N, C-alpha and C. Protein backbone atom coordinates (compact mmCIF):
# COMPACT_ATOMS: atom_id res chain seq x y z
N UNK A 1 39.34 -40.32 -17.59
CA UNK A 1 38.15 -39.79 -17.85
C UNK A 1 38.45 -38.59 -18.00
N UNK A 2 38.27 -37.83 -19.68
CA UNK A 2 38.56 -36.44 -19.90
C UNK A 2 36.99 -35.69 -19.61
N UNK A 3 37.31 -34.58 -18.30
CA UNK A 3 36.04 -33.04 -18.61
C UNK A 3 35.38 -32.64 -19.60
N UNK A 4 34.36 -32.47 -20.22
CA UNK A 4 33.73 -31.24 -21.23
C UNK A 4 33.81 -30.23 -19.77
N UNK A 5 34.03 -29.21 -20.56
CA UNK A 5 32.75 -27.79 -20.33
C UNK A 5 32.69 -26.81 -21.01
N UNK A 6 33.09 -25.55 -20.26
CA UNK A 6 32.91 -24.63 -20.39
C UNK A 6 34.30 -23.77 -19.66
N UNK A 7 34.85 -23.20 -19.38
CA UNK A 7 35.72 -22.35 -18.46
C UNK A 7 34.85 -20.92 -19.14
N UNK A 8 34.98 -20.43 -17.15
CA UNK A 8 34.51 -18.61 -17.29
C UNK A 8 35.35 -18.75 -16.24
N UNK A 9 36.42 -17.49 -16.50
CA UNK A 9 37.12 -17.09 -15.39
C UNK A 9 36.06 -15.42 -14.83
N UNK A 10 35.77 -15.04 -13.63
CA UNK A 10 34.93 -14.07 -13.45
C UNK A 10 35.98 -13.10 -12.83
N UNK A 11 36.00 -12.27 -13.37
CA UNK A 11 36.89 -10.65 -13.11
C UNK A 11 36.44 -10.45 -11.42
N UNK A 12 37.31 -9.80 -10.98
CA UNK A 12 37.79 -9.63 -9.39
C UNK A 12 36.64 -8.66 -9.21
N UNK A 13 35.32 -9.16 -8.53
CA UNK A 13 33.93 -8.77 -7.78
C UNK A 13 34.11 -8.42 -6.45
N UNK A 14 33.85 -6.63 -6.45
CA UNK A 14 33.64 -6.45 -5.28
C UNK A 14 32.23 -5.61 -4.96
N UNK A 15 31.31 -5.43 -3.93
CA UNK A 15 30.48 -5.09 -3.58
C UNK A 15 30.19 -3.67 -3.62
N UNK A 16 30.67 -3.10 -4.97
CA UNK A 16 30.69 -2.11 -5.46
C UNK A 16 28.91 -2.31 -6.26
N UNK A 17 28.13 -1.11 -6.85
CA UNK A 17 26.66 -1.62 -7.22
C UNK A 17 26.48 -0.80 -8.48
N UNK A 18 25.92 -0.76 -9.37
CA UNK A 18 26.18 -0.63 -10.73
C UNK A 18 25.69 0.42 -10.63
N UNK A 19 24.96 1.83 -9.94
CA UNK A 19 25.29 3.39 -9.47
C UNK A 19 26.33 4.06 -8.67
N UNK A 20 26.99 2.71 -8.85
CA UNK A 20 28.50 2.94 -7.81
C UNK A 20 28.42 3.07 -6.50
N UNK A 21 27.68 2.71 -6.19
CA UNK A 21 28.16 3.46 -4.55
C UNK A 21 28.35 2.00 -3.73
N UNK A 22 28.77 1.79 -2.55
CA UNK A 22 29.34 0.86 -2.22
C UNK A 22 29.19 0.22 -1.59
N UNK A 23 28.46 -0.96 -1.71
CA UNK A 23 27.33 -2.14 -0.52
C UNK A 23 28.08 -2.45 0.87
N UNK A 24 27.35 -1.85 2.03
CA UNK A 24 27.96 -2.82 3.76
C UNK A 24 29.12 -2.29 3.82
N UNK A 25 29.27 -1.00 3.61
CA UNK A 25 30.71 0.20 4.34
C UNK A 25 30.85 -0.49 5.82
N UNK A 26 31.79 -0.88 5.59
CA UNK A 26 33.03 -1.40 6.95
C UNK A 26 32.27 -2.77 7.41
N UNK A 27 31.63 -3.88 6.77
CA UNK A 27 30.85 -4.89 6.59
C UNK A 27 31.60 -6.37 6.47
N UNK A 28 32.37 -6.31 6.17
CA UNK A 28 33.12 -7.73 5.18
C UNK A 28 32.23 -8.61 5.93
N UNK A 29 31.56 -8.87 6.00
CA UNK A 29 30.57 -10.38 5.78
C UNK A 29 29.35 -10.16 5.03
N UNK A 30 28.78 -8.73 4.88
CA UNK A 30 27.81 -8.48 4.09
C UNK A 30 28.37 -8.04 2.66
N UNK A 31 29.83 -7.46 2.65
CA UNK A 31 30.63 -7.08 1.66
C UNK A 31 30.50 -8.54 0.51
N UNK A 32 30.83 -9.38 1.29
CA UNK A 32 30.86 -11.33 0.74
C UNK A 32 30.03 -11.38 0.74
N UNK A 33 28.53 -11.50 0.25
CA UNK A 33 27.40 -11.76 0.11
C UNK A 33 27.17 -10.77 -0.95
N UNK A 34 27.12 -9.80 -0.78
CA UNK A 34 26.92 -9.32 -1.53
C UNK A 34 27.35 -9.49 -3.39
N UNK A 35 28.81 -9.72 -3.28
CA UNK A 35 29.74 -10.56 -3.73
C UNK A 35 29.65 -11.59 -4.72
N UNK A 36 29.35 -12.00 -3.61
CA UNK A 36 29.26 -13.86 -3.93
C UNK A 36 28.05 -14.26 -4.08
N UNK A 37 26.67 -13.41 -3.98
CA UNK A 37 25.29 -13.50 -4.35
C UNK A 37 25.69 -12.67 -6.17
N UNK A 38 27.15 -12.03 -6.55
CA UNK A 38 26.27 -11.20 -7.68
C UNK A 38 27.57 -12.59 -8.44
N UNK A 39 27.77 -13.37 -7.78
CA UNK A 39 28.93 -14.85 -8.63
C UNK A 39 28.32 -15.12 -8.87
N UNK A 40 26.91 -15.53 -7.68
CA UNK A 40 25.94 -16.86 -8.18
C UNK A 40 25.58 -16.37 -9.09
N UNK A 41 24.68 -15.36 -9.50
CA UNK A 41 23.80 -14.58 -10.56
C UNK A 41 24.40 -14.74 -12.06
N UNK A 42 26.28 -14.30 -11.99
CA UNK A 42 26.81 -14.52 -13.25
C UNK A 42 27.05 -16.25 -13.83
N UNK A 43 27.69 -16.64 -12.85
CA UNK A 43 26.86 -18.00 -13.57
C UNK A 43 25.84 -18.60 -13.75
N UNK A 44 24.97 -18.22 -13.44
CA UNK A 44 23.19 -18.56 -13.90
C UNK A 44 23.77 -18.11 -15.77
N UNK A 45 23.48 -17.23 -15.14
CA UNK A 45 22.84 -16.92 -16.42
C UNK A 45 23.91 -17.05 -18.04
N UNK A 46 25.44 -17.70 -17.18
CA UNK A 46 26.46 -18.41 -17.85
C UNK A 46 25.63 -20.11 -18.36
N UNK A 47 24.62 -20.53 -17.29
CA UNK A 47 23.92 -21.36 -17.31
C UNK A 47 25.01 -23.01 -16.24
N UNK A 48 25.48 -21.91 -15.71
CA UNK A 48 25.84 -22.77 -14.28
C UNK A 48 25.72 -22.46 -12.88
N UNK A 49 26.35 -22.77 -12.48
CA UNK A 49 26.06 -22.37 -10.57
C UNK A 49 27.75 -22.48 -9.56
N UNK A 50 27.45 -21.76 -8.24
CA UNK A 50 28.01 -21.83 -7.34
C UNK A 50 29.21 -23.49 -7.80
N UNK A 51 28.39 -24.45 -7.24
CA UNK A 51 28.52 -25.77 -7.34
C UNK A 51 29.86 -25.88 -9.09
N UNK A 52 30.01 -25.32 -9.37
CA UNK A 52 30.91 -25.36 -10.68
C UNK A 52 32.24 -24.46 -10.44
N UNK A 53 32.24 -23.68 -9.54
CA UNK A 53 33.49 -23.01 -9.15
C UNK A 53 34.70 -23.54 -8.85
N UNK A 54 35.99 -23.82 -9.24
CA UNK A 54 37.04 -24.22 -8.79
C UNK A 54 38.11 -23.95 -8.21
N UNK A 55 38.22 -22.50 -8.22
CA UNK A 55 39.07 -22.03 -7.36
C UNK A 55 38.68 -20.51 -7.01
N UNK A 56 38.87 -19.57 -6.46
CA UNK A 56 38.89 -18.62 -5.89
C UNK A 56 39.77 -17.69 -5.59
N UNK A 57 40.16 -16.85 -5.66
CA UNK A 57 41.56 -15.74 -5.00
C UNK A 57 40.40 -13.82 -4.27
N UNK A 58 40.76 -14.47 -3.10
CA UNK A 58 39.85 -13.08 -2.02
C UNK A 58 41.36 -11.87 -1.52
N UNK A 59 41.24 -10.36 -2.22
CA UNK A 59 42.73 -9.61 -2.13
C UNK A 59 41.84 -9.59 -0.76
N UNK A 60 41.93 -9.02 -0.20
CA UNK A 60 41.56 -8.64 1.29
C UNK A 60 42.25 -7.30 1.66
N UNK A 61 41.68 -6.11 2.10
CA UNK A 61 42.61 -5.56 2.65
C UNK A 61 42.95 -5.07 4.68
N UNK A 62 41.99 -5.96 5.00
CA UNK A 62 42.64 -6.14 6.46
C UNK A 62 42.26 -8.33 6.71
N UNK A 63 43.38 -9.14 6.32
CA UNK A 63 44.13 -9.75 6.73
C UNK A 63 42.82 -10.54 7.76
N UNK A 64 42.80 -9.71 9.04
CA UNK A 64 42.21 -9.65 10.28
C UNK A 64 40.47 -10.69 9.92
N UNK A 65 39.77 -10.01 9.06
CA UNK A 65 38.23 -10.09 7.99
C UNK A 65 38.35 -11.49 7.94
N UNK A 66 39.25 -12.09 7.64
CA UNK A 66 39.24 -13.73 6.32
C UNK A 66 38.40 -14.25 7.13
N UNK A 67 38.46 -14.87 9.12
CA UNK A 67 37.13 -15.33 10.43
C UNK A 67 35.32 -15.17 9.59
N UNK A 68 34.81 -13.51 8.70
CA UNK A 68 34.32 -12.61 8.68
C UNK A 68 34.26 -13.58 7.39
N UNK A 69 34.69 -13.55 6.41
CA UNK A 69 34.31 -13.68 4.80
C UNK A 69 34.78 -15.44 4.83
N UNK A 70 34.97 -15.62 5.84
CA UNK A 70 35.11 -17.09 5.24
C UNK A 70 33.73 -18.18 5.81
N UNK A 71 33.15 -17.42 6.87
CA UNK A 71 31.27 -18.04 6.91
C UNK A 71 31.03 -17.99 6.77
N UNK A 72 30.85 -16.24 5.62
CA UNK A 72 30.08 -15.88 4.34
C UNK A 72 30.10 -17.54 3.40
N UNK A 73 31.39 -17.51 3.04
CA UNK A 73 31.81 -18.66 1.89
C UNK A 73 31.33 -19.94 2.05
N UNK A 74 31.05 -20.33 3.29
CA UNK A 74 30.71 -22.24 3.60
C UNK A 74 29.34 -21.34 3.55
N UNK A 75 28.24 -20.05 3.62
CA UNK A 75 26.90 -20.08 3.73
C UNK A 75 26.31 -20.21 2.03
N UNK A 76 28.05 -19.89 1.35
CA UNK A 76 27.18 -19.49 -0.52
C UNK A 76 28.17 -21.44 -1.25
N UNK A 77 28.83 -21.40 -0.45
CA UNK A 77 29.63 -23.29 -1.33
C UNK A 77 29.06 -24.23 -0.07
N UNK A 78 28.78 -24.36 1.21
CA UNK A 78 28.68 -25.44 1.61
C UNK A 78 29.97 -25.53 2.57
N UNK A 79 30.26 -27.37 2.79
CA UNK A 79 31.22 -27.25 3.41
C UNK A 79 31.72 -28.63 2.88
N UNK A 80 32.18 -28.40 0.93
CA UNK A 80 33.55 -28.36 0.17
C UNK A 80 32.77 -27.55 -0.46
N UNK A 81 34.05 -26.18 -0.25
CA UNK A 81 34.16 -25.18 -1.18
C UNK A 81 35.04 -25.45 -2.03
N UNK A 82 35.60 -24.52 -2.86
CA UNK A 82 36.85 -24.80 -4.15
C UNK A 82 37.30 -24.52 -3.29
N UNK A 83 38.87 -24.80 -4.42
CA UNK A 83 39.73 -24.36 -3.86
C UNK A 83 40.44 -22.14 -3.86
N UNK A 84 41.03 -22.18 -2.59
CA UNK A 84 40.85 -21.01 -2.53
C UNK A 84 42.70 -20.15 -2.44
N UNK A 85 42.88 -19.23 -2.13
CA UNK A 85 44.00 -18.47 -2.16
C UNK A 85 42.99 -17.03 -1.06
N UNK A 86 44.04 -17.12 -0.64
CA UNK A 86 43.54 -15.24 0.05
C UNK A 86 44.42 -14.60 0.87
N UNK A 87 43.94 -13.23 0.14
CA UNK A 87 46.34 -12.61 0.38
C UNK A 87 45.73 -11.24 0.35
N UNK A 88 46.49 -10.16 1.74
CA UNK A 88 46.49 -9.48 2.25
C UNK A 88 46.71 -8.07 1.23
N UNK A 89 45.89 -7.30 0.39
CA UNK A 89 46.04 -6.34 -0.14
C UNK A 89 46.75 -4.82 0.59
N UNK A 90 47.43 -4.35 -0.01
CA UNK A 90 47.49 -1.90 0.56
C UNK A 90 46.21 -1.24 -0.02
N UNK A 91 45.58 -1.97 -1.20
CA UNK A 91 45.02 -1.13 -1.81
C UNK A 91 44.11 -1.67 -2.56
N UNK A 92 42.41 -1.40 -2.59
CA UNK A 92 42.02 -1.49 -3.70
C UNK A 92 41.48 -0.17 -4.55
N UNK A 93 40.78 -0.76 -6.02
CA UNK A 93 39.98 0.53 -6.90
C UNK A 93 39.48 1.91 -5.86
N UNK A 94 39.07 1.13 -4.54
CA UNK A 94 37.92 2.33 -4.05
C UNK A 94 38.35 1.72 -2.53
N UNK A 95 38.33 2.73 -1.80
CA UNK A 95 39.01 2.26 0.03
C UNK A 95 37.37 1.86 0.26
N UNK A 96 36.90 2.05 0.49
CA UNK A 96 35.43 2.07 0.66
C UNK A 96 34.90 -0.10 0.44
N UNK A 97 35.95 -0.36 -0.19
CA UNK A 97 35.73 -1.67 -0.81
C UNK A 97 36.48 -2.77 0.57
N UNK A 98 36.06 -3.28 0.96
CA UNK A 98 37.61 -4.30 1.94
C UNK A 98 37.66 -5.64 1.04
N UNK A 99 36.80 -6.06 0.12
CA UNK A 99 37.95 -7.01 -0.56
C UNK A 99 37.40 -7.23 -2.14
N UNK A 100 38.17 -8.26 -2.21
CA UNK A 100 37.69 -8.55 -4.14
C UNK A 100 38.02 -9.52 -4.31
N UNK A 101 36.76 -10.52 -5.15
CA UNK A 101 37.19 -11.70 -5.27
C UNK A 101 36.94 -12.68 -6.82
N UNK A 102 37.78 -13.10 -7.18
CA UNK A 102 37.69 -13.76 -8.35
C UNK A 102 37.17 -14.58 -7.73
N UNK A 103 37.03 -15.70 -9.64
CA UNK A 103 36.48 -17.59 -9.43
C UNK A 103 36.84 -17.90 -10.49
N UNK A 104 36.66 -19.36 -10.26
CA UNK A 104 37.32 -19.73 -11.59
C UNK A 104 36.58 -21.21 -12.18
N UNK A 105 34.81 -21.92 -12.88
CA UNK A 105 34.88 -22.44 -13.31
C UNK A 105 34.46 -23.39 -14.29
N UNK A 106 33.77 -24.76 -14.21
CA UNK A 106 33.97 -25.30 -15.02
C UNK A 106 32.20 -25.23 -15.25
N UNK A 107 32.18 -24.37 -15.70
CA UNK A 107 30.61 -25.41 -16.43
C UNK A 107 30.07 -26.21 -16.98
N UNK A 108 30.09 -27.79 -16.77
CA UNK A 108 29.59 -29.17 -17.40
C UNK A 108 29.12 -28.37 -19.41
N UNK A 109 30.10 -29.98 -19.45
CA UNK A 109 28.67 -29.36 -20.85
C UNK A 109 27.00 -30.04 -20.95
N UNK A 110 26.04 -28.94 -21.47
CA UNK A 110 25.09 -29.57 -21.20
C UNK A 110 24.41 -30.14 -22.37
């Protein structure tokens, strides 16, 4: 069967707020919550939901934060999360950002 829908590529999201500040300083779980909430809002604006996400890539400043990020990821995606890749990086745009997440979604034709 052929799947129909619209592919949506969401570039790297961080916990940077509209006014330029970075939320949840030093808190990888808090920053993840901010990022995944923003992702949910972007998807809804495009007519989709988090369940439409098929892949995420997470860039972590410290791979030891993976467990904290994973717990929050389960809060948003449940027990059937999308495929994911997590890598440690040496620097993000703002040194207060602990992680960045990008996502790919397929929003079903409606």
